[in-house]
Amino acid sequence: MKRQIRVAALCAAAALLGSAALAGCTSSGKPSPAVTSAVGSAAESALASATAALGSAAASLGASAQAAASSALASVKGGLNVKGDVTLGTVTTESDGKLSVPVTVTNHGSQAGKYVIQVNFDDASGNLLDATVLSVPEVAPGATAQATAHSNRSLNAPVTPVVANALRY
């Protein structure tokens, strides 16, 4: 998606440069100062549009992932909010470009329980890029279990994983 937007922006900038070069040359064959200024403005505008479109596309994908995660969590009835039972390790990039993060669950309750955990992948500004939900089988009271959260798509670093929701049931 990013590449398509960049290619479109570069094509638009190239078209603007080409038409300005043909239409705005002086008798010496050099672009007039007005054309040079217009081309620079047009290129900046095309880049700004591409950047805005990219941000909008990323927000849309993040919102879609958030909706899917919320739907998965909604299926858990009677769960306790236990975000404090979950810690995340260091993000790694897999060979396919997707991210993974180790998840440690410690049951601080007095009864065994299963866990459903939503992990968000946020950019440096805190914007949601992706979200995933994982299930952890029954964990005894005081015991610890390990799992791994995987992003649904390739993400560029730096990305911060966040425990958005954690339910024990």
C-alpha atoms as a PDB file:
ATOM      1  CA  MET A   1       0.000   0.000   0.000  1.00  0.00           C
ATOM      2  CA  LYS A   2       2.784   2.440   0.925  1.00  0.00           C
ATOM      3  CA  ARG A   3       4.622   1.624  -2.257  1.00  0.00           C
ATOM      4  CA  GLN A   4       1.541   2.203  -4.414  1.00  0.00           C
ATOM      5  CA  ILE A   5       0.992   5.615  -2.836  1.00  0.00           C
ATOM      6  CA  ARG A   6       4.646   6.569  -3.273  1.00  0.00           C
ATOM      7  CA  VAL A   7       4.589   5.468  -6.922  1.00  0.00           C
ATOM      8  CA  ALA A   8       1.417   7.501  -7.546  1.00  0.00           C
ATOM      9  CA  ALA A   9       2.963  10.570  -5.905  1.00  0.00           C
ATOM     10  CA  LEU A  10       6.171  10.208  -7.910  1.00  0.00           C
ATOM     11  CA  CYS A  11       4.199   9.777 -11.160  1.00  0.00           C
ATOM     12  CA  ALA A  12       2.160  12.879 -10.399  1.00  0.00           C
ATOM     13  CA  ALA A  13       5.297  14.865  -9.606  1.00  0.00           C
ATOM     14  CA  ALA A  14       7.002  13.609 -12.803  1.00  0.00           C
ATOM     15  CA  ALA A  15       3.977  14.544 -14.919  1.00  0.00           C
ATOM     16  CA  LEU A  16       3.917  18.007 -13.382  1.00  0.00           C
ATOM     17  CA  LEU A  17       7.637  18.452 -13.951  1.00  0.00           C
ATOM     18  CA  GLY A  18       7.390  17.284 -17.561  1.00  0.00           C
ATOM     19  CA  SER A  19       4.478  19.513 -18.498  1.00  0.00           C
ATOM     20  CA  ALA A  20       6.034  22.497 -16.745  1.00  0.00           C
ATOM     21  CA  ALA A  21       9.309  21.908 -18.544  1.00  0.00           C
ATOM     22  CA  LEU A  22       7.573  21.880 -21.923  1.00  0.00           C
ATOM     23  CA  ALA A  23       5.312  24.855 -21.282  1.00  0.00           C
ATOM     24  CA  GLY A  24       7.475  27.199 -19.269  1.00  0.00           C
ATOM     25  CA  CYS A  25      10.876  27.419 -20.894  1.00  0.00           C
ATOM     26  CA  THR A  26      12.446  30.737 -21.777  1.00  0.00           C
ATOM     27  CA  SER A  27      14.056  31.345 -25.165  1.00  0.00           C
ATOM     28  CA  SER A  28      17.355  30.150 -23.680  1.00  0.00           C
ATOM     29  CA  GLY A  29      15.804  26.724 -22.943  1.00  0.00           C
ATOM     30  CA  LYS A  30      15.847  27.202 -19.167  1.00  0.00           C
ATOM     31  CA  PRO A  31      12.691  27.117 -17.043  1.00  0.00           C
ATOM     32  CA  SER A  32      11.355  30.500 -16.080  1.00  0.00           C
ATOM     33  CA  PRO A  33      11.494  31.409 -12.367  1.00  0.00           C
ATOM     34  CA  ALA A  34       7.691  31.182 -12.176  1.00  0.00           C
ATOM     35  CA  VAL A  35       7.764  27.616 -13.540  1.00  0.00           C
ATOM     36  CA  THR A  36      10.518  26.589 -11.124  1.00  0.00           C
ATOM     37  CA  SER A  37       8.437  27.882  -8.225  1.00  0.00           C
ATOM     38  CA  ALA A  38       5.238  26.228  -9.508  1.00  0.00           C
ATOM     39  CA  VAL A  39       6.952  22.877 -10.010  1.00  0.00           C
ATOM     40  CA  GLY A  40       8.400  22.964  -6.503  1.00  0.00           C
ATOM     41  CA  SER A  41       4.979  23.779  -5.046  1.00  0.00           C
ATOM     42  CA  ALA A  42       3.302  21.066  -7.090  1.00  0.00           C
ATOM     43  CA  ALA A  43       5.846  18.465  -6.005  1.00  0.00           C
ATOM     44  CA  GLU A  44       5.428  19.477  -2.361  1.00  0.00           C
ATOM     45  CA  SER A  45       1.647  19.295  -2.742  1.00  0.00           C
ATOM     46  CA  ALA A  46       1.812  15.832  -4.339  1.00  0.00           C
ATOM     47  CA  LEU A  47       4.063  14.587  -1.554  1.00  0.00           C
ATOM     48  CA  ALA A  48       1.769  16.045   1.121  1.00  0.00           C
ATOM     49  CA  SER A  49      -1.251  14.373  -0.518  1.00  0.00           C
ATOM     50  CA  ALA A  50       0.535  11.024  -0.672  1.00  0.00           C
ATOM     51  CA  THR A  51       1.573  11.304   2.970  1.00  0.00           C
ATOM     52  CA  ALA A  52      -1.987  12.138   4.026  1.00  0.00           C
ATOM     53  CA  ALA A  53      -3.368   9.228   1.991  1.00  0.00           C
ATOM     54  CA  LEU A  54      -0.848   6.877   3.547  1.00  0.00           C
ATOM     55  CA  GLY A  55      -1.773   8.021   7.056  1.00  0.00           C
ATOM     56  CA  SER A  56      -5.461   7.613   6.262  1.00  0.00           C
ATOM     57  CA  ALA A  57      -4.903   4.107   4.874  1.00  0.00           C
ATOM     58  CA  ALA A  58      -2.907   3.096   7.962  1.00  0.00           C
ATOM     59  CA  ALA A  59      -5.612   4.472  10.261  1.00  0.00           C
ATOM     60  CA  SER A  60      -8.250   2.559   8.318  1.00  0.00           C
ATOM     61  CA  LEU A  61      -6.306  -0.699   8.605  1.00  0.00           C
ATOM     62  CA  GLY A  62      -5.743  -0.089  12.316  1.00  0.00           C
ATOM     63  CA  ALA A  63      -9.450   0.587  12.855  1.00  0.00           C
ATOM     64  CA  SER A  64     -10.345  -2.596  10.987  1.00  0.00           C
ATOM     65  CA  ALA A  65      -7.961  -4.649  13.137  1.00  0.00           C
ATOM     66  CA  GLN A  66      -9.361  -2.975  16.270  1.00  0.00           C
ATOM     67  CA  ALA A  67     -12.928  -3.873  15.252  1.00  0.00           C
ATOM     68  CA  ALA A  68     -11.995  -7.516  14.663  1.00  0.00           C
ATOM     69  CA  ALA A  69     -10.213  -7.690  18.034  1.00  0.00           C
ATOM     70  CA  SER A  70     -13.164  -6.104  19.850  1.00  0.00           C
ATOM     71  CA  SER A  71     -15.502  -8.612  18.242  1.00  0.00           C
ATOM     72  CA  ALA A  72     -13.346 -11.518  19.423  1.00  0.00           C
ATOM     73  CA  LEU A  73     -13.252 -10.141  22.980  1.00  0.00           C
ATOM     74  CA  ALA A  74     -17.015  -9.572  23.015  1.00  0.00           C
ATOM     75  CA  SER A  75     -17.559 -13.317  22.696  1.00  0.00           C
ATOM     76  CA  VAL A  76     -16.080 -13.851  26.188  1.00  0.00           C
ATOM     77  CA  LYS A  77     -18.864 -13.751  28.776  1.00  0.00           C
ATOM     78  CA  GLY A  78     -18.147 -13.064  32.448  1.00  0.00           C
ATOM     79  CA  GLY A  79     -14.446 -12.362  32.003  1.00  0.00           C
ATOM     80  CA  LEU A  80     -12.451 -10.352  34.526  1.00  0.00           C
ATOM     81  CA  ASN A  81     -10.280  -7.467  33.345  1.00  0.00           C
ATOM     82  CA  VAL A  82      -6.763  -8.621  34.236  1.00  0.00           C
ATOM     83  CA  LYS A  83      -4.352  -6.480  32.194  1.00  0.00           C
ATOM     84  CA  GLY A  84      -2.005  -6.589  35.194  1.00  0.00           C
ATOM     85  CA  ASP A  85      -1.585 -10.355  34.689  1.00  0.00           C
ATOM     86  CA  VAL A  86       0.024  -9.802  31.264  1.00  0.00           C
ATOM     87  CA  THR A  87       3.500  -8.563  30.335  1.00  0.00           C
ATOM     88  CA  LEU A  88       4.992  -8.193  26.872  1.00  0.00           C
ATOM     89  CA  GLY A  89       8.531  -8.875  25.757  1.00  0.00           C
ATOM     90  CA  THR A  90      10.580  -7.336  22.973  1.00  0.00           C
ATOM     91  CA  VAL A  91       9.148  -7.074  19.455  1.00  0.00           C
ATOM     92  CA  THR A  92      10.935  -9.017  16.724  1.00  0.00           C
ATOM     93  CA  THR A  93      10.417  -8.958  12.968  1.00  0.00           C
ATOM     94  CA  GLU A  94       9.812 -12.316  11.331  1.00  0.00           C
ATOM     95  CA  SER A  95      11.043 -13.301   7.866  1.00  0.00           C
ATOM     96  CA  ASP A  96       7.692 -12.325   6.309  1.00  0.00           C
ATOM     97  CA  GLY A  97       7.880  -8.791   7.772  1.00  0.00           C
ATOM     98  CA  LYS A  98       5.208  -9.426  10.381  1.00  0.00           C
ATOM     99  CA  LEU A  99       6.005  -8.692  14.013  1.00  0.00           C
ATOM    100  CA  SER A 100       5.882 -11.006  16.979  1.00  0.00           C
ATOM    101  CA  VAL A 101       6.051 -10.282  20.680  1.00  0.00           C
ATOM    102  CA  PRO A 102       6.350 -12.776  23.552  1.00  0.00           C
ATOM    103  CA  VAL A 103       3.456 -12.634  26.020  1.00  0.00           C
ATOM    104  CA  THR A 104       3.773 -13.773  29.639  1.00  0.00           C
ATOM    105  CA  VAL A 105       0.628 -14.411  31.663  1.00  0.00           C
ATOM    106  CA  THR A 106       0.741 -14.812  35.442  1.00  0.00           C
ATOM    107  CA  ASN A 107      -2.515 -15.843  37.098  1.00  0.00           C
ATOM    108  CA  HIS A 108      -2.783 -13.650  40.191  1.00  0.00           C
ATOM    109  CA  GLY A 109      -6.256 -15.010  40.931  1.00  0.00           C
ATOM    110  CA  SER A 110      -7.295 -17.749  43.354  1.00  0.00           C
ATOM    111  CA  GLN A 111      -8.799 -19.964  40.637  1.00  0.00           C
ATOM    112  CA  ALA A 112      -7.504 -21.401  37.385  1.00  0.00           C
ATOM    113  CA  GLY A 113      -8.539 -19.428  34.330  1.00  0.00           C
ATOM    114  CA  LYS A 114      -8.220 -19.106  30.588  1.00  0.00           C
ATOM    115  CA  TYR A 115      -7.136 -15.812  29.032  1.00  0.00           C
ATOM    116  CA  VAL A 116      -8.092 -13.810  25.966  1.00  0.00           C
ATOM    117  CA  ILE A 117      -5.627 -10.996  25.304  1.00  0.00           C
ATOM    118  CA  GLN A 118      -5.707  -8.146  22.783  1.00  0.00           C
ATOM    119  CA  VAL A 119      -2.296  -6.807  21.800  1.00  0.00           C
ATOM    120  CA  ASN A 120      -2.155  -3.568  19.822  1.00  0.00           C
ATOM    121  CA  PHE A 121       0.820  -2.578  17.698  1.00  0.00           C
ATOM    122  CA  ASP A 122       1.190   1.223  17.873  1.00  0.00           C
ATOM    123  CA  ASP A 123       3.532   3.567  16.017  1.00  0.00           C
ATOM    124  CA  ALA A 124       5.839   6.039  17.783  1.00  0.00           C
ATOM    125  CA  SER A 125       2.987   8.584  18.010  1.00  0.00           C
ATOM    126  CA  GLY A 126       0.636   6.093  19.661  1.00  0.00           C
ATOM    127  CA  ASN A 127      -1.466   5.522  16.538  1.00  0.00           C
ATOM    128  CA  LEU A 128      -2.906   2.028  16.156  1.00  0.00           C
ATOM    129  CA  LEU A 129      -1.319   0.146  13.252  1.00  0.00           C
ATOM    130  CA  ASP A 130      -2.589  -3.371  13.949  1.00  0.00           C
ATOM    131  CA  ALA A 131      -4.262  -5.445  16.641  1.00  0.00           C
ATOM    132  CA  THR A 132      -4.434  -9.140  17.347  1.00  0.00           C
ATOM    133  CA  VAL A 133      -6.171 -11.353  19.873  1.00  0.00           C
ATOM    134  CA  LEU A 134      -4.703 -14.514  21.327  1.00  0.00           C
ATOM    135  CA  SER A 135      -6.012 -17.164  23.664  1.00  0.00           C
ATOM    136  CA  VAL A 136      -4.018 -18.727  26.465  1.00  0.00           C
ATOM    137  CA  PRO A 137      -5.224 -22.090  27.795  1.00  0.00           C
ATOM    138  CA  GLU A 138      -6.013 -22.585  31.450  1.00  0.00           C
ATOM    139  CA  VAL A 139      -3.417 -21.202  33.856  1.00  0.00           C
ATOM    140  CA  ALA A 140      -3.386 -22.421  37.468  1.00  0.00           C
ATOM    141  CA  PRO A 141      -3.450 -19.872  40.332  1.00  0.00           C
ATOM    142  CA  GLY A 142       0.042 -18.441  40.820  1.00  0.00           C
ATOM    143  CA  ALA A 143       1.304 -20.138  37.646  1.00  0.00           C
ATOM    144  CA  THR A 144       2.777 -18.517  34.549  1.00  0.00           C
ATOM    145  CA  ALA A 145       2.166 -19.299  30.865  1.00  0.00           C
ATOM    146  CA  GLN A 146       3.871 -18.142  27.682  1.00  0.00           C
ATOM    147  CA  ALA A 147       2.359 -17.250  24.313  1.00  0.00           C
ATOM    148  CA  THR A 148       3.263 -15.129  21.295  1.00  0.00           C
ATOM    149  CA  ALA A 149       1.258 -12.348  19.667  1.00  0.00           C
ATOM    150  CA  HIS A 150       1.727 -11.934  15.909  1.00  0.00           C
ATOM    151  CA  SER A 151       0.774  -8.907  13.836  1.00  0.00           C
ATOM    152  CA  ASN A 152      -1.643  -9.584  10.995  1.00  0.00           C
ATOM    153  CA  ARG A 153       0.471  -7.762   8.422  1.00  0.00           C
ATOM    154  CA  SER A 154       3.959  -6.413   7.841  1.00  0.00           C
ATOM    155  CA  LEU A 155       4.747  -3.343   9.917  1.00  0.00           C
ATOM    156  CA  ASN A 156       7.724  -1.011   9.844  1.00  0.00           C
ATOM    157  CA  ALA A 157       9.627  -0.242  13.026  1.00  0.00           C
ATOM    158  CA  PRO A 158       9.525   1.388  15.443  1.00  0.00           C
ATOM    159  CA  VAL A 159       6.371  -0.279  16.745  1.00  0.00           C
ATOM    160  CA  THR A 160       5.300  -0.516  20.384  1.00  0.00           C
ATOM    161  CA  PRO A 161       3.187  -3.454  21.533  1.00  0.00           C
ATOM    162  CA  VAL A 162       0.470  -2.608  24.091  1.00  0.00           C
ATOM    163  CA  VAL A 163      -1.844  -4.850  26.103  1.00  0.00           C
ATOM    164  CA  ALA A 164      -5.152  -3.254  25.135  1.00  0.00           C
ATOM    165  CA  ASN A 165      -7.392  -5.807  26.876  1.00  0.00           C
ATOM    166  CA  ALA A 166      -6.911  -8.963  28.891  1.00  0.00           C
ATOM    167  CA  LEU A 167      -9.758 -11.098  30.187  1.00  0.00           C
ATOM    168  CA  ARG A 168      -9.579 -14.122  32.485  1.00  0.00           C
ATOM    169  CA  TYR A 169     -12.584 -16.421  32.478  1.00  0.00           C
END
